[in-house]
N, C-alpha and C. Protein backbone atom coordinates (compact mmCIF):
# COMPACT_ATOMS: atom_id res chain seq x y z
N UNK A 1 0.81 -1.72 0.42
CA UNK A 1 0.67 0.10 0.36
C UNK A 1 1.19 1.06 -0.03
N UNK A 2 2.21 1.13 1.17
CA UNK A 2 2.94 2.20 0.53
C UNK A 2 3.58 2.56 -0.23
N UNK A 3 3.58 1.53 -1.50
CA UNK A 3 4.29 1.79 -2.71
C UNK A 3 3.05 2.30 -3.64
N UNK A 4 1.93 2.05 -3.67
CA UNK A 4 0.80 2.88 -4.10
C UNK A 4 0.78 4.31 -3.89
N UNK A 5 0.86 4.36 -2.74
CA UNK A 5 0.65 5.86 -1.78
C UNK A 5 1.93 6.70 -3.02
N UNK A 6 3.41 6.02 -2.54
CA UNK A 6 4.38 6.94 -3.38
C UNK A 6 4.04 7.23 -4.68
N UNK A 7 3.52 6.45 -5.53
CA UNK A 7 3.57 6.86 -6.61
C UNK A 7 2.30 7.12 -6.83
N UNK A 8 1.54 7.32 -6.15
CA UNK A 8 0.12 8.69 -6.62
C UNK A 8 0.73 10.46 -6.48
N UNK A 9 1.34 10.23 -4.55
CA UNK A 9 2.64 11.43 -4.74
C UNK A 9 2.50 12.04 -5.78
N UNK A 10 3.61 10.71 -6.04
CA UNK A 10 4.70 11.79 -7.04
C UNK A 10 3.52 12.06 -8.34
N UNK A 11 3.17 11.48 -8.69
CA UNK A 11 2.18 11.66 -9.99
C UNK A 11 1.76 13.09 -9.81
N UNK A 12 0.54 13.33 -8.38
CA UNK A 12 -0.04 14.47 -7.71
C UNK A 12 1.06 15.31 -8.30
N UNK A 13 2.66 15.02 -7.85
CA UNK A 13 3.23 15.90 -8.09
C UNK A 13 3.96 16.88 -9.14
N UNK A 14 4.00 15.42 -10.36
CA UNK A 14 4.74 15.90 -11.89
C UNK A 14 3.81 17.87 -12.00
N UNK A 15 2.68 17.96 -12.17
CA UNK A 15 2.23 19.18 -12.51
C UNK A 15 3.08 20.39 -11.93
N UNK A 16 3.27 20.28 -10.89
CA UNK A 16 4.27 21.08 -10.20
C UNK A 16 5.05 21.44 -10.01
N UNK A 17 5.97 19.86 -10.57
CA UNK A 17 7.24 20.01 -11.02
C UNK A 17 7.21 20.63 -12.47
N UNK A 18 6.50 20.62 -13.34
CA UNK A 18 6.20 21.24 -14.97
C UNK A 18 6.08 22.51 -14.61
N UNK A 19 5.64 23.19 -13.72
CA UNK A 19 5.91 24.66 -13.35
C UNK A 19 6.81 25.20 -13.32
N UNK A 20 7.49 24.17 -12.23
CA UNK A 20 9.02 25.15 -11.40
C UNK A 20 8.17 25.21 -10.33
N UNK A 21 9.13 24.02 -9.77
CA UNK A 21 9.20 24.16 -7.57
C UNK A 21 10.50 24.85 -7.29
N UNK A 22 11.00 25.89 -6.62
CA UNK A 22 11.43 26.29 -6.09
C UNK A 22 12.74 25.81 -5.38
N UNK A 23 11.44 25.06 -4.63
CA UNK A 23 11.54 24.17 -3.55
C UNK A 23 12.37 23.05 -3.54
N UNK A 24 11.97 22.15 -4.79
CA UNK A 24 12.42 21.36 -4.97
C UNK A 24 13.78 21.67 -5.83
N UNK A 25 14.32 23.07 -5.90
CA UNK A 25 15.45 23.38 -6.65
C UNK A 25 16.50 23.50 -5.21
N UNK A 26 16.11 24.11 -4.18
CA UNK A 26 16.52 24.49 -2.95
C UNK A 26 17.43 23.08 -2.26
N UNK A 27 15.87 21.90 -2.17
CA UNK A 27 15.97 20.59 -2.00
C UNK A 27 17.37 19.95 -2.54
N UNK A 28 17.88 19.94 -3.61
CA UNK A 28 18.89 19.59 -4.58
C UNK A 28 20.02 19.85 -4.06
N UNK A 29 20.00 21.51 -3.90
CA UNK A 29 21.79 22.04 -4.02
C UNK A 29 21.92 22.15 -2.76
N UNK A 30 21.30 21.79 -1.38
CA UNK A 30 21.33 21.64 0.05
C UNK A 30 21.63 20.38 0.50
N UNK A 31 22.98 20.38 0.83
CA UNK A 31 23.52 19.14 1.51
C UNK A 31 22.51 18.87 2.85
N UNK A 32 21.61 18.15 3.43
CA UNK A 32 20.89 18.35 4.53
C UNK A 32 21.39 17.56 5.52
N UNK A 33 22.19 16.36 4.93
CA UNK A 33 22.90 16.00 6.19
C UNK A 33 24.19 16.23 6.84
N UNK A 34 24.33 17.67 6.54
CA UNK A 34 25.50 18.42 6.84
C UNK A 34 24.69 18.47 8.67
N UNK A 35 23.69 19.42 8.39
CA UNK A 35 22.27 19.52 9.41
C UNK A 35 22.52 18.20 10.97
N UNK A 36 22.72 17.14 10.33
CA UNK A 36 22.01 16.06 11.76
C UNK A 36 23.48 16.15 12.70
N UNK A 37 24.66 16.29 12.64
CA UNK A 37 25.49 15.96 13.40
C UNK A 37 24.98 17.80 14.20
N UNK A 38 24.42 18.46 14.00
CA UNK A 38 24.51 19.59 14.31
C UNK A 38 23.36 19.40 15.66
N UNK A 39 22.44 18.87 15.53
CA UNK A 39 21.54 18.22 16.13
C UNK A 39 21.38 17.11 17.41
N UNK A 40 22.31 15.96 16.67
CA UNK A 40 21.85 14.53 17.29
C UNK A 40 22.01 14.92 18.51
N UNK A 41 23.04 15.14 19.08
CA UNK A 41 23.01 14.67 20.65
C UNK A 41 22.17 16.01 21.34
N UNK A 42 21.07 15.91 20.58
CA UNK A 42 19.69 16.70 21.42
C UNK A 42 19.02 15.35 21.19
N UNK A 43 19.05 14.88 21.33
CA UNK A 43 17.82 13.53 21.35
C UNK A 43 18.98 12.39 23.13
N UNK A 44 18.25 12.45 23.54
CA UNK A 44 18.95 11.00 25.09
C UNK A 44 18.12 9.68 24.65
N UNK A 45 16.66 10.14 24.29
CA UNK A 45 16.71 8.40 23.83
C UNK A 45 17.38 7.05 22.84
N UNK A 46 18.03 7.31 22.51
CA UNK A 46 18.78 6.61 22.00
C UNK A 46 19.73 5.99 22.63
N UNK A 47 19.45 5.42 24.18
CA UNK A 47 20.25 5.52 25.24
C UNK A 47 19.59 4.26 25.84
N UNK A 48 20.14 4.10 26.57
CA UNK A 48 19.72 2.32 27.12
C UNK A 48 18.40 2.68 27.72
N UNK A 49 17.98 4.04 28.33
CA UNK A 49 16.92 4.12 28.69
C UNK A 49 15.92 3.75 28.24
N UNK A 50 16.59 4.85 26.81
CA UNK A 50 15.03 4.36 25.47
C UNK A 50 14.11 5.53 25.77
N UNK A 51 12.82 5.67 25.38
CA UNK A 51 11.78 6.42 24.90
C UNK A 51 11.35 6.50 23.62
N UNK A 52 10.55 7.89 23.56
CA UNK A 52 9.48 7.30 22.27
C UNK A 52 10.68 7.96 20.96
N UNK A 53 10.43 7.40 20.09
CA UNK A 53 11.04 7.71 18.64
C UNK A 53 10.64 8.86 18.45
N UNK A 54 12.00 9.71 17.67
CA UNK A 54 11.86 11.07 17.63
C UNK A 54 11.84 11.00 15.57
N UNK A 55 11.60 11.97 16.05
CA UNK A 55 11.43 12.16 14.29
C UNK A 55 12.20 12.69 13.70
N UNK A 56 12.69 12.36 12.28
CA UNK A 56 14.11 12.46 11.82
C UNK A 56 14.47 14.05 11.76
N UNK A 57 15.61 14.67 11.99
CA UNK A 57 16.15 15.20 12.60
C UNK A 57 16.49 15.98 11.18
N UNK A 58 16.14 15.57 10.59
CA UNK A 58 16.31 16.57 8.47
C UNK A 58 15.21 16.64 8.13
N UNK A 59 13.96 15.60 8.61
CA UNK A 59 12.61 16.57 8.61
C UNK A 59 12.47 17.77 9.75
N UNK A 60 12.67 17.75 11.11
CA UNK A 60 12.64 18.21 11.82
C UNK A 60 13.23 19.82 11.11
N UNK A 61 14.22 19.82 10.74
CA UNK A 61 15.21 20.94 10.37
C UNK A 61 14.30 21.60 9.41
N UNK A 62 14.41 20.55 8.36
CA UNK A 62 13.12 20.90 6.87
C UNK A 62 11.63 21.86 7.23
N UNK A 63 11.32 21.46 8.41
CA UNK A 63 9.92 22.39 8.69
C UNK A 63 9.94 23.14 9.00
N UNK A 64 11.29 23.48 9.37
CA UNK A 64 11.24 25.07 10.22
C UNK A 64 12.03 25.90 9.27
N UNK A 65 13.15 25.47 8.54
CA UNK A 65 13.29 25.82 6.99
C UNK A 65 11.89 26.73 6.15
N UNK A 66 11.00 25.85 6.16
CA UNK A 66 9.99 26.11 5.68
C UNK A 66 9.17 27.21 6.50
N UNK A 67 9.16 26.75 7.68
CA UNK A 67 8.38 27.95 8.45
C UNK A 67 9.09 29.38 7.92
N UNK A 68 9.89 29.32 8.37
CA UNK A 68 11.06 30.57 8.04
C UNK A 68 11.16 31.43 6.91
N UNK A 69 11.33 30.86 5.85
CA UNK A 69 11.03 30.94 4.17
C UNK A 69 9.69 31.52 3.80
N UNK A 70 8.38 30.84 4.50
CA UNK A 70 7.28 30.93 4.00
C UNK A 70 6.31 31.96 5.29
N UNK A 71 7.45 32.36 6.43
CA UNK A 71 6.66 32.88 6.86
C UNK A 71 5.34 32.62 8.01
N UNK A 72 5.34 31.59 8.28
CA UNK A 72 3.97 30.34 9.07
C UNK A 72 4.20 30.27 10.20
N UNK A 73 3.01 30.35 11.11
CA UNK A 73 2.48 30.18 12.65
C UNK A 73 3.03 28.82 12.31
N UNK A 74 3.35 28.35 13.98
CA UNK A 74 3.25 26.49 14.24
C UNK A 74 1.82 25.89 13.20
N UNK A 75 1.01 26.08 14.13
CA UNK A 75 -0.11 25.80 13.40
C UNK A 75 -0.47 25.66 12.15
N UNK A 76 -0.19 27.06 10.86
CA UNK A 76 -0.10 27.48 9.95
C UNK A 76 0.54 26.49 9.07
N UNK A 77 1.81 26.13 9.58
CA UNK A 77 2.75 25.13 8.66
C UNK A 77 1.99 24.03 8.88
N UNK A 78 1.99 23.13 9.92
CA UNK A 78 0.58 21.77 10.06
C UNK A 78 0.45 21.48 8.82
N UNK A 79 -0.65 23.27 9.05
CA UNK A 79 -1.78 23.03 8.04
C UNK A 79 -1.57 22.60 6.49
N UNK A 80 -0.02 23.73 6.07
CA UNK A 80 -0.01 24.12 4.97
C UNK A 80 1.21 22.48 4.24
N UNK A 81 1.68 21.90 6.01
CA UNK A 81 2.30 21.20 4.83
C UNK A 81 1.10 19.53 4.47
N UNK A 82 0.36 19.76 5.08
CA UNK A 82 -0.77 18.56 4.64
C UNK A 82 -1.41 18.43 4.11
N UNK A 83 -1.77 20.04 3.23
CA UNK A 83 -2.03 20.21 2.02
C UNK A 83 -1.33 20.60 0.99
N UNK A 84 0.12 21.64 0.47
CA UNK A 84 0.53 21.21 -0.25
C UNK A 84 1.73 19.98 -0.47
N UNK A 85 1.52 20.17 -1.73
CA UNK A 85 2.24 18.89 -2.60
C UNK A 85 3.61 19.24 -3.16
N UNK A 86 4.19 20.65 -2.71
CA UNK A 86 5.39 20.86 -2.46
C UNK A 86 6.31 20.83 -1.44
N UNK A 87 5.29 21.00 -0.43
CA UNK A 87 5.53 21.18 0.51
C UNK A 87 5.80 19.19 0.96
N UNK A 88 4.96 18.43 0.68
CA UNK A 88 5.06 16.81 1.45
C UNK A 88 6.62 16.99 0.81
N UNK A 89 7.12 17.14 -1.20
CA UNK A 89 7.61 16.82 -1.62
C UNK A 89 9.04 17.19 -1.08
N UNK A 90 8.80 18.33 -0.57
CA UNK A 90 10.42 18.92 0.18
C UNK A 90 10.90 17.92 1.32
N UNK A 91 10.21 17.74 2.00
CA UNK A 91 9.92 16.83 3.45
C UNK A 91 9.79 15.82 3.04
N UNK A 92 10.13 15.20 1.36
CA UNK A 92 10.71 13.77 1.09
C UNK A 92 9.14 12.77 1.64
N UNK A 93 7.61 13.16 1.30
CA UNK A 93 6.11 12.58 2.04
C UNK A 93 6.47 11.64 2.69
N UNK A 94 6.57 12.39 4.16
CA UNK A 94 6.94 10.96 5.09
C UNK A 94 5.53 10.94 5.48
N UNK A 95 5.71 9.49 6.16
CA UNK A 95 4.87 8.69 6.82
C UNK A 95 3.84 9.84 7.68
N UNK A 96 4.20 10.81 8.63
CA UNK A 96 4.36 10.75 9.59
C UNK A 96 3.97 12.52 9.88
N UNK A 97 3.30 13.71 9.63
CA UNK A 97 3.72 15.15 9.85
C UNK A 97 3.34 15.67 11.40
N UNK A 98 4.68 15.42 11.79
CA UNK A 98 4.85 16.22 12.95
C UNK A 98 3.87 17.39 13.04
N UNK A 99 3.44 17.57 13.93
CA UNK A 99 2.06 18.42 14.63
C UNK A 99 2.38 20.03 15.12
N UNK A 100 1.96 20.89 15.24
CA UNK A 100 2.83 22.16 15.37
C UNK A 100 3.04 22.11 16.44
N UNK A 101 2.43 21.57 18.06
CA UNK A 101 3.67 21.75 19.04
C UNK A 101 4.82 20.08 18.97
N UNK A 102 4.77 20.12 18.24
CA UNK A 102 5.58 18.88 17.73
C UNK A 102 7.69 20.34 17.57
N UNK A 103 7.04 20.48 16.76
CA UNK A 103 7.64 21.81 15.86
C UNK A 103 7.90 22.76 17.08
N UNK A 104 7.18 23.31 17.85
CA UNK A 104 7.57 24.29 19.25
C UNK A 104 8.05 23.47 20.03
N UNK A 105 8.62 22.41 20.38
CA UNK A 105 8.83 21.85 20.83
C UNK A 105 10.38 22.08 20.59
N UNK A 106 10.85 21.59 19.43
CA UNK A 106 11.53 21.02 18.88
C UNK A 106 12.63 22.80 18.24
N UNK A 107 12.10 24.01 18.57
CA UNK A 107 12.13 24.72 18.17
C UNK A 107 13.09 25.26 19.08
N UNK A 108 11.67 24.91 20.68
CA UNK A 108 12.23 25.76 22.02
C UNK A 108 13.91 25.10 22.09
N UNK A 109 14.03 23.98 22.02
CA UNK A 109 14.78 22.97 22.49
C UNK A 109 16.13 23.15 21.64
N UNK A 110 15.97 23.93 20.10
CA UNK A 110 17.02 24.24 19.25
C UNK A 110 17.89 25.77 19.96
N UNK A 111 16.79 26.41 20.40
CA UNK A 111 16.77 27.88 20.75
C UNK A 111 17.87 27.51 21.88
N UNK A 112 17.20 26.73 23.15
CA UNK A 112 17.89 26.90 24.47
C UNK A 112 19.30 26.06 23.99
N UNK A 113 19.66 25.24 23.38
CA UNK A 113 20.52 24.56 23.14
C UNK A 113 21.87 26.07 22.30
N UNK A 114 21.31 26.82 21.93
CA UNK A 114 22.39 27.52 20.30
C UNK A 114 22.12 27.42 19.40
N UNK A 115 21.36 25.95 19.23
CA UNK A 115 21.60 25.21 17.86
C UNK A 115 20.97 25.94 16.56
N UNK A 116 19.90 26.20 16.94
CA UNK A 116 19.26 27.30 16.19
C UNK A 116 20.34 28.23 15.11
N UNK A 117 21.06 28.92 15.97
CA UNK A 117 22.01 29.78 15.26
C UNK A 117 22.87 28.69 13.97
N UNK A 118 23.24 27.48 15.20
CA UNK A 118 23.56 26.65 14.04
C UNK A 118 23.73 26.29 13.26
N UNK A 119 22.06 26.13 12.93
CA UNK A 119 21.76 25.51 11.37
C UNK A 119 21.61 26.79 11.03
N UNK A 120 20.90 28.09 11.29
CA UNK A 120 20.89 28.88 10.45
C UNK A 120 22.39 29.95 9.84
N UNK A 121 23.35 29.46 10.12
CA UNK A 121 24.87 29.33 10.29
C UNK A 121 24.79 28.42 8.40
N UNK A 122 24.78 26.96 9.37
CA UNK A 122 25.56 26.04 8.10
C UNK A 122 24.27 26.63 6.84
N UNK A 123 23.11 26.62 6.49
CA UNK A 123 21.94 27.33 6.01
C UNK A 123 23.00 27.79 5.05
N UNK A 124 23.15 29.19 5.53
CA UNK A 124 23.50 30.52 5.16
C UNK A 124 25.05 29.79 4.46
N UNK A 125 25.74 29.11 4.39
CA UNK A 125 26.56 28.88 4.15
C UNK A 125 27.29 28.44 3.07
N UNK A 126 26.09 27.36 3.03
CA UNK A 126 25.54 26.20 1.43
C UNK A 126 25.03 27.23 0.85
N UNK A 127 24.19 28.21 1.11
CA UNK A 127 23.66 28.64 0.03
C UNK A 127 24.64 30.13 -0.62
N UNK A 128 25.39 30.38 0.52
CA UNK A 128 26.22 31.69 -0.01
C UNK A 128 27.48 30.57 -1.34
N UNK A 129 27.67 29.90 -0.78
CA UNK A 129 28.94 28.66 -1.65
C UNK A 129 27.89 28.62 -3.20
N UNK A 130 26.69 28.17 -3.11
CA UNK A 130 26.38 27.75 -3.88
C UNK A 130 25.42 29.63 -5.24
N UNK A 131 25.92 30.36 -4.08
CA UNK A 131 25.42 31.89 -4.84
C UNK A 131 24.15 31.83 -4.58
N UNK A 132 23.73 31.75 -3.71
CA UNK A 132 21.77 32.20 -3.91
C UNK A 132 21.93 32.58 -2.74
N UNK A 133 20.72 33.34 -2.71
CA UNK A 133 19.89 33.78 -1.16
C UNK A 133 18.44 33.61 -1.30
N UNK A 134 17.91 33.79 -0.44
CA UNK A 134 16.64 33.55 -0.26
C UNK A 134 15.60 35.15 -0.32
N UNK A 135 15.12 35.14 -0.95
CA UNK A 135 14.33 36.67 -1.09
C UNK A 135 12.63 36.10 -0.14
N UNK A 136 12.72 36.45 1.44
CA UNK A 136 11.30 36.30 1.74
C UNK A 136 10.87 37.04 1.29
N UNK A 137 9.00 36.64 1.79
CA UNK A 137 7.89 37.23 1.12
C UNK A 137 6.66 36.22 1.76
N UNK A 138 5.96 37.34 1.37
CA UNK A 138 4.61 35.68 1.86
C UNK A 138 5.03 34.70 0.88
N UNK A 139 3.80 33.88 1.81
CA UNK A 139 3.74 31.83 1.07
C UNK A 139 4.09 32.53 -0.66
N UNK A 140 3.19 32.80 -1.14
CA UNK A 140 2.83 32.69 -2.84
C UNK A 140 3.98 33.22 -3.20
N UNK A 141 5.13 34.49 -2.33
CA UNK A 141 6.31 34.81 -3.24
C UNK A 141 7.90 34.27 -2.51
N UNK A 142 7.40 33.46 -1.66
CA UNK A 142 9.78 33.31 -1.56
C UNK A 142 10.35 32.80 -2.71
N UNK A 143 10.73 33.43 -3.25
CA UNK A 143 11.43 32.34 -4.14
C UNK A 143 13.57 32.74 -3.97
N UNK A 144 14.04 32.02 -5.05
CA UNK A 144 15.55 32.05 -4.33
C UNK A 144 15.90 32.00 -5.98
N UNK A 145 17.09 33.09 -5.27
CA UNK A 145 17.55 33.98 -6.59
C UNK A 145 18.80 33.52 -6.09
N UNK A 146 19.16 33.22 -8.01
CA UNK A 146 21.16 33.50 -7.94
C UNK A 146 22.10 34.14 -8.07
N UNK A 147 22.83 34.74 -6.81
CA UNK A 147 23.16 35.83 -6.82
C UNK A 147 24.48 35.77 -7.92
N UNK A 148 25.61 36.60 -7.10
CA UNK A 148 26.67 36.17 -8.57
C UNK A 148 28.38 35.83 -7.11
N UNK A 149 28.56 34.65 -7.15
CA UNK A 149 29.11 33.87 -6.17
C UNK A 149 30.18 33.78 -5.64
N UNK A 150 30.69 35.19 -6.90
CA UNK A 150 31.92 35.99 -6.38
C UNK A 150 31.75 37.08 -5.37
N UNK A 151 30.72 37.34 -4.76
CA UNK A 151 30.69 37.97 -3.59
C UNK A 151 30.11 38.03 -2.86
N UNK A 152 30.41 35.79 -2.67
CA UNK A 152 29.91 35.02 -1.52
C UNK A 152 30.95 35.10 -0.32
N UNK A 153 31.20 34.92 0.53
CA UNK A 153 32.20 34.64 1.53
C UNK A 153 32.70 33.35 1.33
N UNK A 154 34.59 33.04 1.81
CA UNK A 154 34.95 32.00 0.77
C UNK A 154 35.07 31.21 2.26
């Protein structure tokens, strides 16, 4: 059943892809695995103590990126991720989408540990390296702009 669902989601996404999807473009140039070591030690349920399984670190970072790039509140982020096929594709069509309180809690833990700044610094470093920057705006006009890579800090 999961394969059928994946097929249907990818089929539905084809039209968006043909029209141009800036999130897909960003997804292709950002090395998301670079974020995993930044936050991996925030999770303590990997010990013998155990605990409730966490959402994937990359999924959580991508949610925060979507939220920041599109100016979404936590509840609106949850709604948009559940509704927009481009958001779902950006996240890798996860089986379970974290609710808004999970996103809030994750962001608070990042802030308390200072890892939020590390994440944004790494994201900016990668975008600078590719000669890209994010033009923020309302959800409909958030775009990625290729800038002169000659001016990117080395």
